[in-house]
Protein backbone atom coordinates (compact mmCIF):
# COMPACT_ATOMS: atom_id res chain seq x y z
CA MET A 1 6.07 12.93 -7.93
CA ASN A 2 5.71 9.31 -6.91
CA ILE A 3 5.31 5.84 -8.40
CA THR A 4 1.52 6.26 -8.47
CA ALA A 5 1.89 8.97 -11.08
CA PHE A 6 3.16 6.21 -13.45
CA ARG A 7 0.48 3.68 -12.39
CA TYR A 8 -1.20 3.45 -15.77
CA ARG A 9 2.11 2.78 -17.54
CA PHE A 10 2.78 -0.16 -15.24
CA ILE A 11 -0.66 -1.67 -15.47
CA ARG A 12 -0.44 -2.45 -19.18
CA TYR A 13 2.43 -4.87 -18.48
CA LEU A 14 0.10 -6.84 -16.21
CA GLU A 15 -2.58 -7.27 -18.86
CA PRO A 16 -1.52 -10.89 -19.62
CA ILE A 17 -2.09 -11.79 -15.93
CA ALA A 18 -5.42 -9.92 -15.96
CA GLU A 19 -6.40 -11.93 -19.07
CA ILE A 20 -5.62 -15.20 -17.31
CA CYS A 21 -7.76 -14.16 -14.34
CA LYS A 22 -10.56 -13.11 -16.65
CA ARG A 23 -10.52 -16.49 -18.47
CA ALA A 24 -10.44 -18.25 -15.08
CA GLY A 25 -13.67 -16.47 -14.23
CA LEU A 26 -12.26 -14.60 -11.27
CA SER A 27 -14.28 -11.49 -10.48
CA PRO A 28 -12.51 -8.21 -9.52
CA ASN A 29 -13.72 -8.49 -5.92
CA ILE A 30 -12.45 -12.07 -5.64
CA ILE A 31 -9.05 -10.91 -6.84
CA THR A 32 -9.15 -8.17 -4.19
CA ILE A 33 -9.93 -10.79 -1.57
CA LEU A 34 -6.97 -12.87 -2.80
CA SER A 35 -4.82 -9.78 -2.38
CA ILE A 36 -5.90 -9.52 1.26
CA LEU A 37 -5.25 -13.25 1.83
CA THR A 38 -1.74 -13.11 0.36
CA GLY A 39 -1.14 -10.03 2.54
CA CYS A 40 -2.18 -12.05 5.57
CA ILE A 41 0.17 -14.89 4.60
CA CYS A 42 2.91 -12.29 4.31
CA SER A 43 2.17 -11.03 7.80
CA VAL A 44 2.22 -14.54 9.32
CA SER A 45 5.50 -15.21 7.50
CA TYR A 46 6.97 -12.03 8.94
CA ILE A 47 5.83 -13.02 12.45
CA LEU A 48 7.61 -16.34 11.97
CA HIS A 49 10.77 -14.48 10.81
CA SER A 50 10.39 -15.81 7.24
CA TYR A 51 10.98 -12.35 5.79
CA PHE A 52 12.09 -13.57 2.36
CA ILE A 53 8.98 -15.76 1.84
CA GLY A 54 6.74 -13.08 3.31
CA SER A 55 8.07 -10.51 0.92
CA LEU A 56 7.31 -12.78 -2.04
CA PHE A 57 3.71 -13.00 -0.87
CA LEU A 58 3.60 -9.25 -0.38
CA PHE A 59 4.79 -8.83 -3.96
CA CYS A 60 1.97 -11.17 -5.13
CA SER A 61 -0.52 -9.18 -3.10
CA ALA A 62 0.62 -5.94 -4.78
CA ILE A 63 0.30 -7.52 -8.25
CA LEU A 64 -3.19 -8.72 -7.48
CA ASP A 65 -4.06 -5.21 -6.23
CA LEU A 66 -3.25 -3.85 -9.66
CA VAL A 67 -4.83 -6.71 -11.62
CA ASP A 68 -8.28 -6.45 -10.03
CA GLY A 69 -8.85 -3.06 -11.61
CA SER A 70 -7.69 -4.31 -15.04
CA VAL A 71 -10.06 -7.26 -14.86
CA ALA A 72 -12.91 -4.92 -13.91
CA ARG A 73 -12.24 -2.78 -16.99
CA MET A 74 -11.84 -5.83 -19.26
CA THR A 75 -15.14 -7.34 -18.16
CA GLY A 76 -17.08 -4.09 -17.81
CA ARG A 77 -17.60 -4.78 -14.10
CA GLU A 78 -16.33 -1.48 -12.72
CA THR A 79 -18.37 -0.38 -9.72
CA ARG A 80 -18.03 2.26 -7.05
CA PHE A 81 -18.14 -0.46 -4.43
CA GLY A 82 -15.28 -2.19 -6.15
CA ALA A 83 -13.18 1.00 -6.05
CA VAL A 84 -13.98 1.48 -2.32
CA PHE A 85 -13.36 -2.18 -1.51
CA ASP A 86 -10.00 -2.07 -3.29
CA TRP A 87 -9.01 1.00 -1.27
CA ILE A 88 -10.08 -0.55 2.05
CA ALA A 89 -8.27 -3.77 1.17
CA ASP A 90 -5.04 -1.87 0.56
CA LYS A 91 -5.17 -0.36 4.02
CA TYR A 92 -5.93 -3.69 5.68
CA VAL A 93 -2.95 -5.25 3.93
CA ASP A 94 -0.63 -2.35 4.83
CA THR A 95 -1.64 -2.53 8.48
CA ILE A 96 -1.53 -6.31 8.79
CA VAL A 97 1.87 -6.55 7.09
CA LEU A 98 3.45 -3.85 9.26
CA LEU A 99 1.93 -5.43 12.37
CA GLY A 100 3.54 -8.68 11.27
CA VAL A 101 6.93 -7.02 11.37
CA GLY A 102 6.20 -5.57 14.77
CA LEU A 103 5.00 -8.86 16.21
CA SER A 104 8.06 -10.66 14.88
CA GLY A 105 10.02 -8.85 17.59
CA ILE A 106 12.84 -7.91 15.25
CA PRO A 107 15.02 -5.10 16.70
CA ILE A 108 14.47 -1.87 14.82
CA ILE A 109 16.17 0.73 16.99
CA SER A 110 16.67 -1.24 20.20
CA GLY A 111 19.44 -3.23 18.62
CA PHE A 112 21.84 -0.27 18.45
CA LEU A 113 20.38 2.18 20.93
CA LYS A 114 20.16 -0.36 23.78
CA ILE A 115 16.64 0.66 24.74
CA SER A 116 13.45 -1.26 25.48
CA PRO A 117 12.00 -3.30 22.59
CA VAL A 118 8.75 -1.40 23.21
CA TRP A 119 10.29 1.43 21.20
CA ASP A 120 10.62 -0.89 18.23
CA PHE A 121 6.88 -1.45 18.19
CA GLY A 122 6.48 2.30 18.61
CA ILE A 123 8.36 2.78 15.32
CA VAL A 124 6.05 0.24 13.67
CA ALA A 125 3.07 2.21 15.04
CA VAL A 126 4.49 5.43 13.57
CA ALA A 127 4.86 3.68 10.22
CA ILE A 128 1.24 2.46 10.33
CA ILE A 129 -0.01 5.94 11.30
CA GLY A 130 2.00 7.49 8.45
CA SER A 131 0.63 4.95 5.98
CA MET A 132 -2.94 5.57 7.12
CA MET A 133 -2.69 9.38 7.18
CA ASN A 134 -1.00 9.50 3.79
CA THR A 135 -4.07 7.84 2.37
CA PHE A 136 -6.72 9.37 4.65
CA ILE A 137 -5.90 12.83 3.29
CA LYS A 138 -7.26 11.85 -0.13
CA PRO A 139 -10.91 10.93 0.76
CA VAL A 140 -11.10 13.98 3.01
CA THR A 141 -9.95 16.05 0.09
CA TYR A 142 -12.52 14.44 -2.23
CA ALA A 143 -15.32 15.16 0.26
CA GLU A 144 -14.35 18.73 1.20
CA ILE A 145 -13.04 20.02 -2.09
CA GLY A 146 -15.21 17.89 -4.38
CA PHE A 147 -13.14 15.88 -6.83
CA THR A 148 -15.61 13.65 -8.69
CA GLU A 149 -14.17 13.06 -12.17
CA ARG A 150 -13.08 9.49 -12.79
CA LYS A 151 -10.28 7.97 -14.83
CA GLU A 152 -10.56 4.20 -15.52
CA GLY A 153 -12.91 3.76 -12.58
CA LYS A 154 -10.95 5.75 -10.03
CA ILE A 155 -11.38 9.36 -8.94
CA ASP A 156 -8.92 11.55 -10.82
CA ASP A 157 -7.49 14.50 -8.92
CA PRO A 158 -4.39 16.69 -8.75
CA LEU A 159 -3.35 15.10 -5.43
CA GLU A 160 -2.52 11.83 -7.24
CA GLY A 161 1.09 12.78 -7.94
CA ILE A 162 1.61 14.81 -4.76
CA GLY A 163 3.60 13.27 -1.96
CA PHE A 164 6.88 11.53 -2.64
CA PHE A 165 6.16 8.35 -0.68
CA GLY A 166 2.84 6.54 -1.10
CA ARG A 167 1.59 2.98 -0.93
CA PRO A 168 3.65 1.69 -3.92
CA GLU A 169 6.83 3.03 -2.36
CA THR A 170 5.86 1.44 1.01
CA VAL A 171 5.31 -1.95 -0.56
CA LEU A 172 8.49 -1.71 -2.64
CA VAL A 173 10.64 -0.80 0.36
CA LEU A 174 9.14 -3.62 2.46
CA VAL A 175 9.66 -6.18 -0.32
CA LEU A 176 13.27 -5.12 -0.90
CA GLY A 177 13.97 -5.08 2.88
CA GLY A 178 12.48 -8.53 3.32
CA LEU A 179 14.34 -10.03 0.39
CA THR A 180 17.68 -8.57 1.47
CA GLY A 181 17.37 -9.18 5.23
CA PHE A 182 17.11 -5.53 6.18
CA ILE A 183 13.43 -5.22 6.87
CA TRP A 184 14.14 -3.20 10.05
CA ILE A 185 15.60 -0.51 7.82
CA SER A 186 12.48 -0.66 5.68
CA VAL A 187 10.27 0.08 8.69
CA LEU A 188 12.43 3.06 9.68
CA ILE A 189 12.23 4.44 6.08
CA ILE A 190 8.44 3.94 6.01
CA ALA A 191 7.93 5.54 9.43
CA LEU A 192 9.85 8.65 8.36
CA CYS A 193 8.85 9.00 4.72
CA THR A 194 5.11 8.29 4.96
CA ASN A 195 4.72 11.00 7.55
CA LEU A 196 6.85 13.47 5.63
CA SER A 197 4.82 12.69 2.50
CA ALA A 198 1.58 13.29 4.38
CA LEU A 199 2.96 16.63 5.51
CA GLN A 200 3.91 17.42 1.95
CA ARG A 201 0.31 16.85 0.87
CA ILE A 202 -1.02 18.98 3.66
CA VAL A 203 1.28 21.84 2.68
CA TYR A 204 0.23 21.46 -0.95
CA LEU A 205 -3.48 21.64 -0.05
CA TYR A 206 -2.90 24.61 2.26
CA ARG A 207 -1.11 26.56 -0.45
CA ARG A 208 -3.70 25.75 -3.09
CA TYR A 209 -6.98 26.01 -1.16
CA SER A 210 -6.42 28.20 1.92
């Protein structure tokens, strides 16, 4: 079970924001692009050690990521490209934001293990790999096993609630870490939990389809 399993309960609370975007004439794809741009601002803020400000922009990026789909449904502009673009945008934001933490040079493990700062960037790399693999498993599963049914524009499959640490958890941990001044702990948590979550999904698929 993860936060994604409750996605559709959260989205209804964002309908007022989606309505504002709709009245402003913002298309779903434009909102997705705004999500990427706010993610980039977050990354630059992290590089400049403005973790609090960066985390606020990351929070805005996450909200926009949810709102684009709502606007698509409200306006009847749901497309397969939109779903793919949204997915790709998420991964760009995740990578850019984590790279921002790495490029900031903040000590992650070198501060207390007295080792080369290169290892800090290594932890960031592990976090990025975990984030990518945790998501990469899903399209491979769609292609090889054949999930095609859709729910509100997105492919609906049993893997949705499998894996205890997905993108929502990653964003939440980063935001909380940035706001509280412990973003280095956030990166450690993400590096560990995303990879464990990916392993959990692999084990689930093995038991069900081998």
